[in-house]
Amino acid sequence: MTINEVRELSTALLISLGMFVIGVYLICVMFGAFNMSRKKETDTKAINKYLLRHLVAYPLVALAVAGLTVTETVSARMARGKKSKMTTLNRWNYDKQTYEPYDVPDNWNVKSYSFDMDEIVNCPHCGKEMTYGSCYTSREIHTPNGFGYAVCENCYNIERAIENRWRNKQ
């Protein structure tokens, strides 16, 4: 299940839950009005006041609070929706012995894992398109968990040469 499918499902479930809560609330209000009407000392004016308060005033307050929450959520989504032009990966710096940010264009399909060996991916170094099955595991560009991204053969050989030069200096 993709993240978009999960979002759609959770939205549908939240809407359904909201409609259920509204239905239960309306039943309770009507049951309260019915109980008021059965009492001899309750007049029509008191029942109307009860209904007005529970069917108009309280729901308007609830909608105002929900509206503010939804507005914050929508603006937060809009802020998140603004994508940068680059995706930041981690690149190992042999001299500093630490990771440094490494940017690749958003339109590149860089992967550290794929179920489909025929999927077309980009080398994060040069951008060359190739099938995932023909790639090598990068020695420098890693996920936050340390798994290497898929790189082309030429860039892999360059990475190995850089690593060997560093090891020989030690």
Protein backbone atom coordinates (compact mmCIF):
# COMPACT_ATOMS: atom_id res chain seq x y z
CA MET A 1 0.00 0.00 0.00
CA THR A 2 1.48 3.35 -1.02
CA ILE A 3 1.53 6.45 1.18
CA ASN A 4 -1.10 8.12 -1.03
CA GLU A 5 -3.44 5.15 -0.66
CA VAL A 6 -2.96 5.28 3.12
CA ARG A 7 -3.78 9.02 3.12
CA GLU A 8 -6.92 8.45 1.04
CA LEU A 9 -8.03 5.60 3.28
CA SER A 10 -7.41 7.57 6.49
CA THR A 11 -9.31 10.56 5.05
CA ALA A 12 -12.28 8.35 4.14
CA LEU A 13 -12.23 6.74 7.60
CA LEU A 14 -12.10 10.13 9.35
CA ILE A 15 -15.02 11.44 7.28
CA SER A 16 -17.02 8.30 8.07
CA LEU A 17 -16.22 8.61 11.77
CA GLY A 18 -17.26 12.27 11.72
CA MET A 19 -20.58 11.46 10.07
CA PHE A 20 -21.19 8.70 12.63
CA VAL A 21 -20.49 11.10 15.53
CA ILE A 22 -22.84 13.70 14.02
CA GLY A 23 -25.56 11.07 13.63
CA VAL A 24 -25.21 9.94 17.24
CA TYR A 25 -25.26 13.56 18.41
CA LEU A 26 -28.48 14.28 16.48
CA ILE A 27 -30.14 11.19 17.94
CA CYS A 28 -29.16 12.27 21.46
CA VAL A 29 -30.48 15.80 20.89
CA MET A 30 -33.78 14.52 19.56
CA PHE A 31 -34.05 12.05 22.43
CA GLY A 32 -33.44 14.93 24.88
CA ALA A 33 -36.13 17.06 23.21
CA PHE A 34 -38.52 14.11 23.32
CA ASN A 35 -37.86 13.62 27.05
CA MET A 36 -38.40 17.36 27.67
CA SER A 37 -41.73 17.23 25.84
CA ARG A 38 -42.96 14.43 28.10
CA LYS A 39 -42.54 16.55 31.22
CA LYS A 40 -45.68 18.53 32.07
CA GLU A 41 -43.80 21.60 33.34
CA THR A 42 -41.78 22.04 30.09
CA ASP A 43 -43.35 24.41 27.58
CA THR A 44 -42.76 24.74 23.84
CA LYS A 45 -40.51 27.77 24.31
CA ALA A 46 -38.05 25.77 26.49
CA ILE A 47 -37.96 22.91 23.95
CA ASN A 48 -37.30 25.35 21.10
CA LYS A 49 -34.52 27.01 23.12
CA TYR A 50 -32.98 23.56 23.81
CA LEU A 51 -33.14 22.61 20.10
CA LEU A 52 -31.74 25.97 18.98
CA ARG A 53 -28.85 25.66 21.41
CA HIS A 54 -28.03 22.04 20.50
CA LEU A 55 -28.71 22.14 16.74
CA VAL A 56 -27.34 25.60 15.90
CA ALA A 57 -25.13 27.17 18.57
CA TYR A 58 -23.03 24.17 19.64
CA PRO A 59 -22.45 22.89 16.09
CA LEU A 60 -21.37 26.38 14.95
CA VAL A 61 -18.79 26.53 17.73
CA ALA A 62 -17.59 23.02 16.81
CA LEU A 63 -17.37 23.99 13.11
CA ALA A 64 -15.42 27.14 13.95
CA VAL A 65 -12.87 25.15 15.96
CA ALA A 66 -12.68 22.46 13.27
CA GLY A 67 -12.35 25.13 10.58
CA LEU A 68 -9.35 26.66 12.33
CA THR A 69 -7.77 23.23 12.66
CA VAL A 70 -8.40 22.40 9.00
CA THR A 71 -7.00 25.79 7.93
CA GLU A 72 -3.80 25.05 9.84
CA THR A 73 -3.64 21.58 8.31
CA VAL A 74 -4.18 22.89 4.76
CA SER A 75 -1.56 25.61 5.15
CA ALA A 76 0.87 23.09 6.63
CA ARG A 77 0.24 20.78 3.66
CA MET A 78 0.79 23.65 1.25
CA ALA A 79 4.08 24.51 2.95
CA ARG A 80 5.17 20.88 2.80
CA GLY A 81 4.03 20.62 -0.81
CA LYS A 82 6.62 23.16 -1.96
CA LYS A 83 9.34 20.86 -3.19
CA SER A 84 12.90 21.86 -3.53
CA LYS A 85 14.62 21.32 -6.85
CA MET A 86 17.03 18.83 -5.30
CA THR A 87 16.86 15.68 -3.19
CA THR A 88 19.51 15.51 -0.49
CA LEU A 89 21.38 12.25 0.07
CA ASN A 90 24.36 11.42 2.31
CA ARG A 91 27.82 11.24 0.74
CA TRP A 92 30.75 9.83 2.70
CA ASN A 93 33.81 12.07 2.90
CA TYR A 94 36.87 9.86 3.39
CA ASP A 95 39.12 12.69 4.57
CA LYS A 96 36.71 14.02 7.21
CA GLN A 97 35.31 10.55 8.02
CA THR A 98 31.76 11.91 8.07
CA TYR A 99 28.72 12.24 5.85
CA GLU A 100 28.07 15.42 3.91
CA PRO A 101 24.86 16.48 2.15
CA TYR A 102 24.78 15.51 -1.51
CA ASP A 103 22.06 16.92 -3.76
CA VAL A 104 20.57 15.24 -6.81
CA PRO A 105 17.76 16.64 -8.99
CA ASP A 106 14.21 15.70 -7.96
CA ASN A 107 13.46 14.27 -11.38
CA TRP A 108 16.19 11.62 -11.01
CA ASN A 109 15.01 8.20 -9.85
CA VAL A 110 17.74 7.25 -7.38
CA LYS A 111 17.20 4.03 -5.46
CA SER A 112 18.92 2.00 -2.79
CA TYR A 113 16.53 -0.93 -3.26
CA SER A 114 14.01 -2.09 -5.84
CA PHE A 115 11.80 -5.15 -6.23
CA ASP A 116 11.94 -4.75 -10.01
CA MET A 117 15.39 -5.45 -11.47
CA ASP A 118 14.24 -3.93 -14.79
CA GLU A 119 13.25 -0.60 -13.21
CA ILE A 120 15.00 2.37 -14.81
CA VAL A 121 17.03 4.30 -12.23
CA ASN A 122 19.54 7.14 -12.36
CA CYS A 123 23.10 7.01 -11.11
CA PRO A 124 23.28 9.63 -8.32
CA HIS A 125 26.75 10.70 -9.53
CA CYS A 126 26.30 11.20 -13.27
CA GLY A 127 22.55 10.76 -13.78
CA LYS A 128 22.98 7.95 -16.31
CA GLU A 129 19.79 5.91 -16.78
CA MET A 130 20.13 2.14 -16.41
CA THR A 131 18.22 -0.84 -15.09
CA TYR A 132 18.44 -1.43 -11.36
CA GLY A 133 19.71 -4.96 -11.97
CA SER A 134 22.79 -3.68 -13.81
CA CYS A 135 23.83 -1.31 -11.01
CA TYR A 136 26.50 -1.51 -8.34
CA THR A 137 26.11 -0.53 -4.67
CA SER A 138 27.67 2.86 -4.02
CA ARG A 139 30.63 3.02 -1.65
CA GLU A 140 30.01 6.73 -0.94
CA ILE A 141 26.35 7.71 -1.34
CA HIS A 142 24.16 6.14 1.33
CA THR A 143 20.70 6.22 2.88
CA PRO A 144 20.38 7.52 6.47
CA ASN A 145 20.69 3.87 7.55
CA GLY A 146 23.95 3.36 5.64
CA PHE A 147 22.70 1.40 2.61
CA GLY A 148 24.35 2.34 -0.67
CA TYR A 149 22.44 3.76 -3.61
CA ALA A 150 22.55 2.15 -7.04
CA VAL A 151 25.36 3.58 -9.21
CA CYS A 152 26.61 2.84 -12.71
CA GLU A 153 29.74 0.76 -13.32
CA ASN A 154 31.92 3.72 -14.28
CA CYS A 155 31.05 5.73 -11.15
CA TYR A 156 31.47 2.63 -8.99
CA ASN A 157 35.01 2.19 -10.35
CA ILE A 158 35.77 5.85 -9.61
CA GLU A 159 34.45 5.42 -6.06
CA ARG A 160 36.65 2.34 -5.57
CA ALA A 161 39.70 4.25 -6.82
CA ILE A 162 39.01 7.11 -4.36
CA GLU A 163 38.56 4.61 -1.53
CA ASN A 164 41.79 2.77 -2.45
CA ARG A 165 43.75 6.04 -2.59
CA TRP A 166 42.45 6.91 0.88
CA ARG A 167 43.31 3.44 2.26
CA ASN A 168 46.84 3.65 0.82
CA LYS A 169 47.40 6.98 2.55
CA GLN A 170 46.67 5.42 5.92
